[in-house]
């Protein structure tokens, strides 16, 4: 199943979100110094996405890096991870987390309306009962990350 087939499914469940988050690893490129050790996906807040990501990524890798999914506190002093999913209940923490990680190659992923304009890199939204992506390319590039044009074409671009 291709990324676009998964993306186009009518479901808006957490398994689908986790699958899409995992697939971001194929369309985002991290700096060379982030390609050793474990590939860490952080989850802020209580969300079923955490368990779905743990289950999905148990036997998966990003290049040669084993994927590890960890819970992180919304009030942490730092976020040492590659991707950070901020649950809807913690969306109020986005501004602080975005400022704290501004110079780091951390892909911020959120799930509340308007957050791609407030610091998130990729934001899940529902439009006409379909899961869509808001993508803020500027936020991604400022974090020294590259995004594939194929992923840009699937999302709603936010400036």
Protein backbone atom coordinates (compact mmCIF):
# COMPACT_ATOMS: atom_id res chain seq x y z
CA UNK A 1 0.00 0.00 0.00
CA UNK A 2 1.48 3.35 -1.00
CA UNK A 3 1.56 6.48 1.13
CA UNK A 4 -1.14 8.15 -0.94
CA UNK A 5 -3.42 5.08 -0.72
CA UNK A 6 -3.10 5.05 3.06
CA UNK A 7 -3.56 8.80 3.20
CA UNK A 8 -6.73 8.68 1.10
CA UNK A 9 -8.53 6.12 3.26
CA UNK A 10 -11.72 7.37 4.82
CA UNK A 11 -10.72 6.32 8.35
CA UNK A 12 -9.55 8.89 10.86
CA UNK A 13 -8.39 6.48 13.52
CA UNK A 14 -5.18 6.40 15.53
CA UNK A 15 -3.83 3.39 13.65
CA UNK A 16 -4.01 5.43 10.44
CA UNK A 17 -2.34 8.43 12.11
CA UNK A 18 0.46 6.18 13.41
CA UNK A 19 0.92 4.67 9.95
CA UNK A 20 1.20 8.12 8.37
CA UNK A 21 3.64 9.31 11.07
CA UNK A 22 5.80 6.25 10.40
CA UNK A 23 5.70 6.97 6.66
CA UNK A 24 7.01 10.50 7.28
CA UNK A 25 10.37 8.78 7.92
CA UNK A 26 10.54 8.01 4.20
CA UNK A 27 9.76 11.58 3.05
CA UNK A 28 11.72 13.68 5.55
CA UNK A 29 15.51 13.77 5.54
CA UNK A 30 17.41 14.45 8.77
CA UNK A 31 20.96 15.86 8.98
CA UNK A 32 23.82 13.35 8.84
CA UNK A 33 24.57 13.73 12.57
CA UNK A 34 21.03 12.41 13.34
CA UNK A 35 21.46 9.21 11.32
CA UNK A 36 23.30 7.19 14.01
CA UNK A 37 21.92 5.48 17.09
CA UNK A 38 18.22 5.06 17.62
CA UNK A 39 15.51 6.89 15.67
CA UNK A 40 13.34 8.36 18.42
CA UNK A 41 9.69 9.27 18.04
CA UNK A 42 8.40 11.18 21.05
CA UNK A 43 4.75 11.51 22.04
CA UNK A 44 3.61 14.37 24.29
CA UNK A 45 0.35 13.80 26.12
CA UNK A 46 -1.90 10.80 26.49
CA UNK A 47 -2.86 9.48 23.07
CA UNK A 48 -3.69 6.10 21.55
CA UNK A 49 -1.16 7.09 18.85
CA UNK A 50 1.59 6.12 21.33
CA UNK A 51 0.52 2.46 21.52
CA UNK A 52 -0.19 2.30 17.78
CA UNK A 53 3.27 3.71 16.99
CA UNK A 54 4.96 1.29 19.42
CA UNK A 55 3.17 -1.65 17.84
CA UNK A 56 3.74 -0.51 14.25
CA UNK A 57 7.41 0.36 14.66
CA UNK A 58 8.47 -2.61 16.82
CA UNK A 59 10.29 -4.30 13.94
CA UNK A 60 10.91 -1.28 11.71
CA UNK A 61 13.96 0.85 11.08
CA UNK A 62 14.81 4.17 9.47
CA UNK A 63 17.88 3.32 7.42
CA UNK A 64 20.01 1.41 9.94
CA UNK A 65 18.38 3.04 12.97
CA UNK A 66 15.97 1.07 15.16
CA UNK A 67 12.78 3.04 15.88
CA UNK A 68 12.05 3.72 19.55
CA UNK A 69 8.79 5.36 20.66
CA UNK A 70 8.87 7.21 24.00
CA UNK A 71 6.45 9.30 26.05
CA UNK A 72 7.70 12.81 26.76
CA UNK A 73 6.45 15.41 29.19
CA UNK A 74 4.88 18.64 27.91
CA UNK A 75 7.04 20.48 30.46
CA UNK A 76 10.36 18.77 29.60
CA UNK A 77 13.45 20.95 29.41
CA UNK A 78 14.54 19.39 26.11
CA UNK A 79 13.31 16.95 23.48
CA UNK A 80 15.99 14.62 22.17
CA UNK A 81 14.08 12.95 19.35
CA UNK A 82 13.65 12.97 15.57
CA UNK A 83 9.87 13.38 15.52
CA UNK A 84 7.62 14.72 18.26
CA UNK A 85 3.87 14.10 18.15
CA UNK A 86 1.91 16.57 20.29
CA UNK A 87 -1.52 15.21 21.20
CA UNK A 88 -4.61 17.39 20.95
CA UNK A 89 -4.87 17.62 24.74
CA UNK A 90 -1.36 19.12 24.89
CA UNK A 91 -1.78 21.47 21.91
CA UNK A 92 -1.47 24.41 24.32
CA UNK A 93 2.17 23.36 24.87
CA UNK A 94 3.07 23.69 21.17
CA UNK A 95 4.37 27.26 21.32
CA UNK A 96 6.74 26.45 24.20
CA UNK A 97 7.89 23.17 22.62
CA UNK A 98 8.40 24.83 19.22
CA UNK A 99 10.54 27.56 20.84
CA UNK A 100 12.52 24.99 22.84
CA UNK A 101 13.26 22.89 19.73
CA UNK A 102 13.60 25.77 17.25
CA UNK A 103 17.27 25.09 16.46
CA UNK A 104 16.95 21.29 16.54
CA UNK A 105 16.13 18.91 13.66
CA UNK A 106 12.90 17.74 15.31
CA UNK A 107 9.81 17.26 13.14
CA UNK A 108 6.86 18.59 15.18
CA UNK A 109 3.56 16.84 14.41
CA UNK A 110 0.26 18.02 15.86
CA UNK A 111 -3.47 17.34 15.52
CA UNK A 112 -5.38 20.55 16.26
CA UNK A 113 -6.74 23.14 13.84
CA UNK A 114 -4.37 25.99 13.08
CA UNK A 115 -1.21 24.57 14.68
CA UNK A 116 0.78 24.48 11.44
CA UNK A 117 0.68 28.28 11.61
CA UNK A 118 1.75 28.27 15.27
CA UNK A 119 4.95 26.26 15.07
CA UNK A 120 4.06 22.72 14.03
CA UNK A 121 5.72 21.22 10.93
CA UNK A 122 2.87 18.86 10.01
CA UNK A 123 -0.62 19.06 11.45
CA UNK A 124 -3.40 16.46 11.11
CA UNK A 125 -6.82 17.96 10.39
CA UNK A 126 -10.16 16.51 9.34
CA UNK A 127 -11.85 17.98 6.27
CA UNK A 128 -15.16 16.50 5.10
CA UNK A 129 -14.55 13.49 7.38
CA UNK A 130 -11.18 12.79 5.73
CA UNK A 131 -7.79 13.01 7.37
CA UNK A 132 -5.64 15.71 5.77
CA UNK A 133 -2.20 17.14 6.41
CA UNK A 134 -1.34 20.79 6.84
CA UNK A 135 2.35 21.17 6.03
CA UNK A 136 4.41 24.21 6.98
CA UNK A 137 7.47 23.86 4.73
CA UNK A 138 9.13 26.92 6.29
CA UNK A 139 8.95 25.39 9.78
CA UNK A 140 10.43 22.15 8.42
CA UNK A 141 13.31 23.85 6.59
CA UNK A 142 14.14 26.14 9.55
CA UNK A 143 14.78 22.96 11.53
CA UNK A 144 17.41 21.79 9.01
CA UNK A 145 15.10 19.08 7.67
CA UNK A 146 14.26 18.36 4.04
CA UNK A 147 10.83 17.29 2.84
CA UNK A 148 10.22 15.30 -0.35
CA UNK A 149 8.05 16.95 -2.99
CA UNK A 150 5.81 13.85 -2.99
CA UNK A 151 4.77 14.61 0.59
CA UNK A 152 4.32 18.32 -0.13
CA UNK A 153 1.91 17.43 -2.94
CA UNK A 154 -0.29 15.43 -0.55
CA UNK A 155 -0.73 18.20 2.00
CA UNK A 156 -2.29 21.61 2.34
CA UNK A 157 0.63 24.04 2.35
CA UNK A 158 0.61 26.57 5.19
CA UNK A 159 2.82 29.65 5.38
